Amino acid sequence: MKDYIIRKIGTNIQIKVFDVMLYSTFNGLSIKQNYKIQLLVILGKFHIHKSKWTSLKPSFHRFIVELKQYCTSIEYVKNSKAAKTFCILKEMNFV
């Protein structure tokens, strides 16, 4: 996942367990880049949690498919946060 995030963000970062366990920002990155990282981390954590309760192993391919489904589900939501998230995901070519 780390390599995937680095490719999508376009900058080299060091993701530690603390960054995944708790919300943290990455120094030297823009607010938008931090948002992208945190979005992928939180959706990845959700995928792992969901996989646990559906008795399936987490799959990166399934994660990407679910991420694309998430994009289509928030595309027409009139909420400003959903619109911001959709624009970010669109920039990252998930739409």
N, C-alpha and C. Protein backbone atom coordinates (compact mmCIF):
# COMPACT_ATOMS: atom_id res chain seq x y z
N MET A 1 0.83 -1.19 0.00
CA MET A 1 0.00 0.00 0.00
C MET A 1 0.88 1.26 0.00
N LYS A 2 1.98 1.21 0.72
CA LYS A 2 2.85 2.38 0.79
C LYS A 2 3.35 2.77 -0.59
N ASP A 3 3.81 1.80 -1.37
CA ASP A 3 4.30 2.09 -2.72
C ASP A 3 3.19 2.65 -3.60
N TYR A 4 1.99 2.14 -3.43
CA TYR A 4 0.84 2.63 -4.19
C TYR A 4 0.55 4.09 -3.84
N ILE A 5 0.58 4.40 -2.55
CA ILE A 5 0.34 5.78 -2.12
C ILE A 5 1.42 6.71 -2.67
N ILE A 6 2.67 6.27 -2.62
CA ILE A 6 3.77 7.09 -3.14
C ILE A 6 3.56 7.37 -4.63
N ARG A 7 3.13 6.36 -5.40
CA ARG A 7 2.87 6.57 -6.83
C ARG A 7 1.72 7.54 -7.04
N LYS A 8 0.66 7.43 -6.26
CA LYS A 8 -0.52 8.28 -6.43
C LYS A 8 -0.26 9.72 -5.98
N ILE A 9 0.51 9.90 -4.92
CA ILE A 9 0.78 11.23 -4.38
C ILE A 9 1.88 11.92 -5.18
N GLY A 10 2.85 11.15 -5.64
CA GLY A 10 3.93 11.72 -6.44
C GLY A 10 5.09 12.23 -5.62
N THR A 11 5.17 11.82 -4.37
CA THR A 11 6.29 12.22 -3.51
C THR A 11 6.63 11.08 -2.58
N ASN A 12 7.87 11.03 -2.14
CA ASN A 12 8.31 9.96 -1.26
C ASN A 12 7.95 10.31 0.18
N ILE A 13 7.31 9.38 0.88
CA ILE A 13 6.92 9.60 2.27
C ILE A 13 7.33 8.39 3.10
N GLN A 14 7.39 8.58 4.38
CA GLN A 14 7.70 7.50 5.31
C GLN A 14 6.45 7.28 6.17
N ILE A 15 5.74 6.17 5.93
CA ILE A 15 4.54 5.87 6.71
C ILE A 15 4.92 4.91 7.83
N LYS A 16 4.63 5.33 9.05
CA LYS A 16 4.94 4.51 10.22
C LYS A 16 3.64 3.98 10.82
N VAL A 17 3.78 3.02 11.72
CA VAL A 17 2.61 2.43 12.37
C VAL A 17 1.80 3.52 13.07
N PHE A 18 2.46 4.46 13.71
CA PHE A 18 1.78 5.56 14.40
C PHE A 18 0.89 6.33 13.44
N ASP A 19 1.36 6.54 12.19
CA ASP A 19 0.59 7.28 11.20
C ASP A 19 -0.70 6.56 10.81
N VAL A 20 -0.64 5.24 10.85
CA VAL A 20 -1.82 4.45 10.48
C VAL A 20 -2.74 4.30 11.68
N MET A 21 -2.17 4.08 12.86
CA MET A 21 -2.99 3.88 14.06
C MET A 21 -3.73 5.16 14.46
N LEU A 22 -3.03 6.27 14.38
CA LEU A 22 -3.61 7.56 14.76
C LEU A 22 -3.48 8.51 13.59
N TYR A 23 -4.34 9.48 13.56
CA TYR A 23 -4.28 10.47 12.50
C TYR A 23 -3.05 11.34 12.71
N SER A 24 -2.23 11.47 11.69
CA SER A 24 -1.09 12.38 11.77
C SER A 24 -0.87 13.00 10.40
N THR A 25 -0.24 14.15 10.41
CA THR A 25 0.07 14.82 9.15
C THR A 25 1.54 14.61 8.83
N PHE A 26 1.86 14.73 7.58
CA PHE A 26 3.22 14.53 7.13
C PHE A 26 3.84 15.89 6.85
N ASN A 27 4.92 16.18 7.52
CA ASN A 27 5.61 17.48 7.38
C ASN A 27 6.16 17.63 5.97
N GLY A 28 6.07 18.83 5.46
CA GLY A 28 6.63 19.12 4.15
C GLY A 28 5.68 18.84 3.00
N LEU A 29 4.51 18.33 3.30
CA LEU A 29 3.53 18.06 2.25
C LEU A 29 2.40 19.06 2.33
N SER A 30 1.76 19.29 1.21
CA SER A 30 0.64 20.23 1.19
C SER A 30 -0.56 19.61 1.90
N ILE A 31 -1.52 20.44 2.19
CA ILE A 31 -2.76 19.98 2.83
C ILE A 31 -3.45 18.96 1.94
N LYS A 32 -3.44 19.21 0.65
CA LYS A 32 -4.08 18.30 -0.31
C LYS A 32 -3.39 16.94 -0.33
N GLN A 33 -2.06 16.92 -0.30
CA GLN A 33 -1.33 15.65 -0.28
C GLN A 33 -1.58 14.89 1.02
N ASN A 34 -1.62 15.61 2.14
CA ASN A 34 -1.95 14.97 3.42
C ASN A 34 -3.35 14.38 3.38
N TYR A 35 -4.29 15.09 2.78
CA TYR A 35 -5.66 14.61 2.66
C TYR A 35 -5.71 13.33 1.84
N LYS A 36 -4.97 13.30 0.74
CA LYS A 36 -4.94 12.10 -0.11
C LYS A 36 -4.40 10.90 0.66
N ILE A 37 -3.32 11.10 1.39
CA ILE A 37 -2.73 10.00 2.16
C ILE A 37 -3.70 9.51 3.21
N GLN A 38 -4.25 10.43 3.98
CA GLN A 38 -5.17 10.04 5.05
C GLN A 38 -6.43 9.36 4.51
N LEU A 39 -6.90 9.81 3.35
CA LEU A 39 -8.07 9.20 2.73
C LEU A 39 -7.79 7.75 2.36
N LEU A 40 -6.66 7.51 1.73
CA LEU A 40 -6.31 6.14 1.34
C LEU A 40 -6.07 5.26 2.57
N VAL A 41 -5.46 5.82 3.61
CA VAL A 41 -5.21 5.05 4.83
C VAL A 41 -6.53 4.67 5.49
N ILE A 42 -7.44 5.62 5.64
CA ILE A 42 -8.71 5.33 6.32
C ILE A 42 -9.57 4.36 5.52
N LEU A 43 -9.58 4.50 4.20
CA LEU A 43 -10.34 3.55 3.38
C LEU A 43 -9.68 2.18 3.38
N GLY A 44 -8.36 2.14 3.45
CA GLY A 44 -7.66 0.86 3.57
C GLY A 44 -7.96 0.17 4.89
N LYS A 45 -8.00 0.95 5.97
CA LYS A 45 -8.36 0.39 7.27
C LYS A 45 -9.78 -0.15 7.27
N PHE A 46 -10.68 0.58 6.61
CA PHE A 46 -12.07 0.11 6.49
C PHE A 46 -12.12 -1.20 5.72
N HIS A 47 -11.35 -1.29 4.64
CA HIS A 47 -11.33 -2.52 3.83
C HIS A 47 -10.85 -3.71 4.67
N ILE A 48 -9.80 -3.50 5.46
CA ILE A 48 -9.29 -4.59 6.30
C ILE A 48 -10.33 -4.99 7.34
N HIS A 49 -10.98 -4.01 7.97
CA HIS A 49 -12.02 -4.30 8.96
C HIS A 49 -13.18 -5.05 8.31
N LYS A 50 -13.60 -4.61 7.14
CA LYS A 50 -14.70 -5.26 6.43
C LYS A 50 -14.33 -6.69 6.04
N SER A 51 -13.10 -6.88 5.61
CA SER A 51 -12.65 -8.22 5.22
C SER A 51 -12.67 -9.16 6.42
N LYS A 52 -12.33 -8.64 7.58
CA LYS A 52 -12.34 -9.46 8.79
C LYS A 52 -13.75 -9.99 9.07
N TRP A 53 -14.74 -9.12 8.94
CA TRP A 53 -16.10 -9.51 9.28
C TRP A 53 -16.80 -10.28 8.18
N THR A 54 -16.26 -10.27 6.97
CA THR A 54 -16.83 -11.08 5.89
C THR A 54 -16.04 -12.37 5.68
N SER A 55 -15.08 -12.62 6.58
CA SER A 55 -14.24 -13.84 6.54
C SER A 55 -13.48 -13.98 5.24
N LEU A 56 -13.03 -12.86 4.68
CA LEU A 56 -12.21 -12.88 3.48
C LEU A 56 -10.86 -12.26 3.80
N LYS A 57 -9.85 -12.70 3.09
CA LYS A 57 -8.54 -12.07 3.25
C LYS A 57 -8.56 -10.72 2.54
N PRO A 58 -7.92 -9.71 3.12
CA PRO A 58 -7.83 -8.44 2.41
C PRO A 58 -7.12 -8.62 1.07
N SER A 59 -7.65 -7.98 0.07
CA SER A 59 -7.10 -8.08 -1.27
C SER A 59 -6.93 -6.67 -1.84
N PHE A 60 -5.73 -6.39 -2.34
CA PHE A 60 -5.48 -5.06 -2.89
C PHE A 60 -6.37 -4.81 -4.10
N HIS A 61 -6.56 -5.83 -4.92
CA HIS A 61 -7.42 -5.70 -6.10
C HIS A 61 -8.86 -5.36 -5.68
N ARG A 62 -9.36 -6.07 -4.67
CA ARG A 62 -10.72 -5.81 -4.18
C ARG A 62 -10.81 -4.42 -3.56
N PHE A 63 -9.74 -3.99 -2.89
CA PHE A 63 -9.69 -2.65 -2.32
C PHE A 63 -9.86 -1.59 -3.40
N ILE A 64 -9.16 -1.73 -4.51
CA ILE A 64 -9.25 -0.77 -5.61
C ILE A 64 -10.66 -0.78 -6.21
N VAL A 65 -11.25 -1.96 -6.37
CA VAL A 65 -12.62 -2.05 -6.89
C VAL A 65 -13.59 -1.35 -5.94
N GLU A 66 -13.45 -1.59 -4.64
CA GLU A 66 -14.31 -0.93 -3.65
C GLU A 66 -14.10 0.58 -3.63
N LEU A 67 -12.87 1.00 -3.85
CA LEU A 67 -12.57 2.43 -3.90
C LEU A 67 -13.28 3.08 -5.09
N LYS A 68 -13.29 2.41 -6.22
CA LYS A 68 -13.99 2.93 -7.40
C LYS A 68 -15.50 2.95 -7.18
N GLN A 69 -16.03 1.93 -6.49
CA GLN A 69 -17.45 1.93 -6.15
C GLN A 69 -17.78 3.07 -5.20
N TYR A 70 -16.90 3.35 -4.27
CA TYR A 70 -17.08 4.48 -3.35
C TYR A 70 -17.15 5.79 -4.13
N CYS A 71 -16.28 5.92 -5.14
CA CYS A 71 -16.28 7.13 -5.97
C CYS A 71 -17.62 7.32 -6.66
N THR A 72 -18.16 6.26 -7.23
CA THR A 72 -19.43 6.39 -7.93
C THR A 72 -20.57 6.68 -6.95
N SER A 73 -20.44 6.20 -5.71
CA SER A 73 -21.51 6.45 -4.75
C SER A 73 -21.53 7.88 -4.22
N ILE A 74 -20.38 8.56 -4.21
CA ILE A 74 -20.36 9.94 -3.70
C ILE A 74 -20.37 10.98 -4.82
N GLU A 75 -20.39 10.53 -6.06
CA GLU A 75 -20.26 11.46 -7.18
C GLU A 75 -21.35 12.54 -7.20
N TYR A 76 -22.57 12.19 -6.90
CA TYR A 76 -23.68 13.14 -7.00
C TYR A 76 -24.18 13.63 -5.65
N VAL A 77 -23.44 13.38 -4.59
CA VAL A 77 -23.82 13.86 -3.27
C VAL A 77 -23.58 15.36 -3.22
N LYS A 78 -24.51 16.10 -2.64
CA LYS A 78 -24.45 17.56 -2.61
C LYS A 78 -23.68 18.11 -1.42
N ASN A 79 -23.04 17.27 -0.66
CA ASN A 79 -22.26 17.67 0.51
C ASN A 79 -20.90 18.19 0.05
N SER A 80 -20.42 19.27 0.65
CA SER A 80 -19.14 19.86 0.22
C SER A 80 -17.95 18.93 0.50
N LYS A 81 -18.00 18.19 1.62
CA LYS A 81 -16.91 17.26 1.93
C LYS A 81 -16.89 16.10 0.94
N ALA A 82 -18.06 15.61 0.57
CA ALA A 82 -18.13 14.54 -0.42
C ALA A 82 -17.64 15.03 -1.77
N ALA A 83 -17.98 16.26 -2.13
CA ALA A 83 -17.52 16.83 -3.40
C ALA A 83 -16.00 16.98 -3.40
N LYS A 84 -15.43 17.42 -2.27
CA LYS A 84 -13.98 17.56 -2.16
C LYS A 84 -13.31 16.19 -2.30
N THR A 85 -13.86 15.20 -1.61
CA THR A 85 -13.30 13.85 -1.68
C THR A 85 -13.39 13.30 -3.10
N PHE A 86 -14.53 13.53 -3.75
CA PHE A 86 -14.69 13.05 -5.13
C PHE A 86 -13.67 13.71 -6.05
N CYS A 87 -13.46 15.00 -5.91
CA CYS A 87 -12.48 15.71 -6.75
C CYS A 87 -11.07 15.17 -6.53
N ILE A 88 -10.73 14.90 -5.28
CA ILE A 88 -9.40 14.34 -4.97
C ILE A 88 -9.25 12.97 -5.60
N LEU A 89 -10.27 12.13 -5.46
CA LEU A 89 -10.20 10.78 -6.04
C LEU A 89 -10.18 10.83 -7.56
N LYS A 90 -10.85 11.81 -8.13
CA LYS A 90 -10.84 11.98 -9.57
C LYS A 90 -9.44 12.37 -10.06
N GLU A 91 -8.76 13.25 -9.30
CA GLU A 91 -7.39 13.63 -9.62
C GLU A 91 -6.46 12.42 -9.58
N MET A 92 -6.78 11.48 -8.70
CA MET A 92 -5.94 10.29 -8.55
C MET A 92 -6.36 9.17 -9.51
N ASN A 93 -7.26 9.48 -10.44
CA ASN A 93 -7.70 8.56 -11.51
C ASN A 93 -8.46 7.34 -11.00
N PHE A 94 -9.29 7.53 -9.98
CA PHE A 94 -10.15 6.45 -9.53
C PHE A 94 -11.52 6.50 -10.19
N VAL A 95 -11.80 7.57 -10.89
CA VAL A 95 -13.11 7.74 -11.54
C VAL A 95 -12.96 7.48 -13.01
